[in-house]
Amino acid sequence: MSNKAIVLDANILIRAVLGKRVRERIVACADARKYLPELLEKRGANSEAAL
């Protein structure tokens, strides 16, 4: 895994707590990170490079 980080400002954090859409997108990103490596490997792609 790389040393990259996601930077969030206060508005995004507040919307994540109070808003539904931001929370859904955060969950979707977590799901993608969970399932993408296996799917990419099955297709012959380097999952580490892709992520």
Protein backbone atom coordinates (compact mmCIF):
# COMPACT_ATOMS: atom_id res chain seq x y z
CA MET A 1 0.00 0.00 0.00
CA SER A 2 1.26 3.49 -0.76
CA ASN A 3 1.80 6.32 1.69
CA LYS A 4 -0.87 8.48 0.05
CA ALA A 5 -3.52 10.07 2.24
CA ILE A 6 -6.93 11.59 1.75
CA VAL A 7 -7.19 15.15 3.04
CA LEU A 8 -10.61 16.28 4.20
CA ASP A 9 -11.58 19.75 5.27
CA ALA A 10 -14.08 20.52 8.03
CA ASN A 11 -16.99 20.93 5.60
CA ILE A 12 -16.52 17.44 4.22
CA LEU A 13 -16.24 15.97 7.70
CA ILE A 14 -19.39 17.75 8.86
CA ARG A 15 -21.31 16.56 5.80
CA ALA A 16 -20.04 13.02 6.44
CA VAL A 17 -21.56 13.15 9.90
CA LEU A 18 -24.73 15.02 8.99
CA GLY A 19 -25.28 14.17 5.34
CA LYS A 20 -26.28 10.94 3.70
CA ARG A 21 -24.65 11.40 0.28
CA VAL A 22 -21.12 11.92 1.57
CA ARG A 23 -21.41 8.95 3.91
CA GLU A 24 -22.63 6.75 1.04
CA ARG A 25 -19.67 7.78 -1.10
CA ILE A 26 -17.20 7.02 1.67
CA VAL A 27 -18.74 3.57 2.10
CA ALA A 28 -18.65 3.04 -1.67
CA CYS A 29 -14.93 3.87 -1.72
CA ALA A 30 -14.28 1.40 1.07
CA ASP A 31 -16.20 -1.28 -0.81
CA ALA A 32 -14.26 -0.57 -3.99
CA ARG A 33 -10.92 -0.88 -2.16
CA LYS A 34 -12.11 -4.18 -0.71
CA TYR A 35 -13.28 -5.83 -3.94
CA LEU A 36 -11.21 -4.21 -6.70
CA PRO A 37 -7.90 -6.01 -6.08
CA GLU A 38 -9.41 -9.44 -6.63
CA LEU A 39 -11.38 -8.29 -9.68
CA LEU A 40 -8.33 -6.64 -11.23
CA GLU A 41 -6.12 -9.69 -10.63
CA LYS A 42 -8.73 -11.92 -12.31
CA ARG A 43 -8.50 -9.65 -15.36
CA GLY A 44 -4.72 -9.79 -15.40
CA ALA A 45 -4.20 -6.23 -14.14
CA ASN A 46 -1.74 -5.24 -11.45
CA SER A 47 -4.01 -4.30 -8.55
CA GLU A 48 -1.33 -2.37 -6.65
CA ALA A 49 -0.61 -0.14 -9.62
CA ALA A 50 -4.29 0.36 -10.35
CA LEU A 51 -5.15 1.38 -6.80
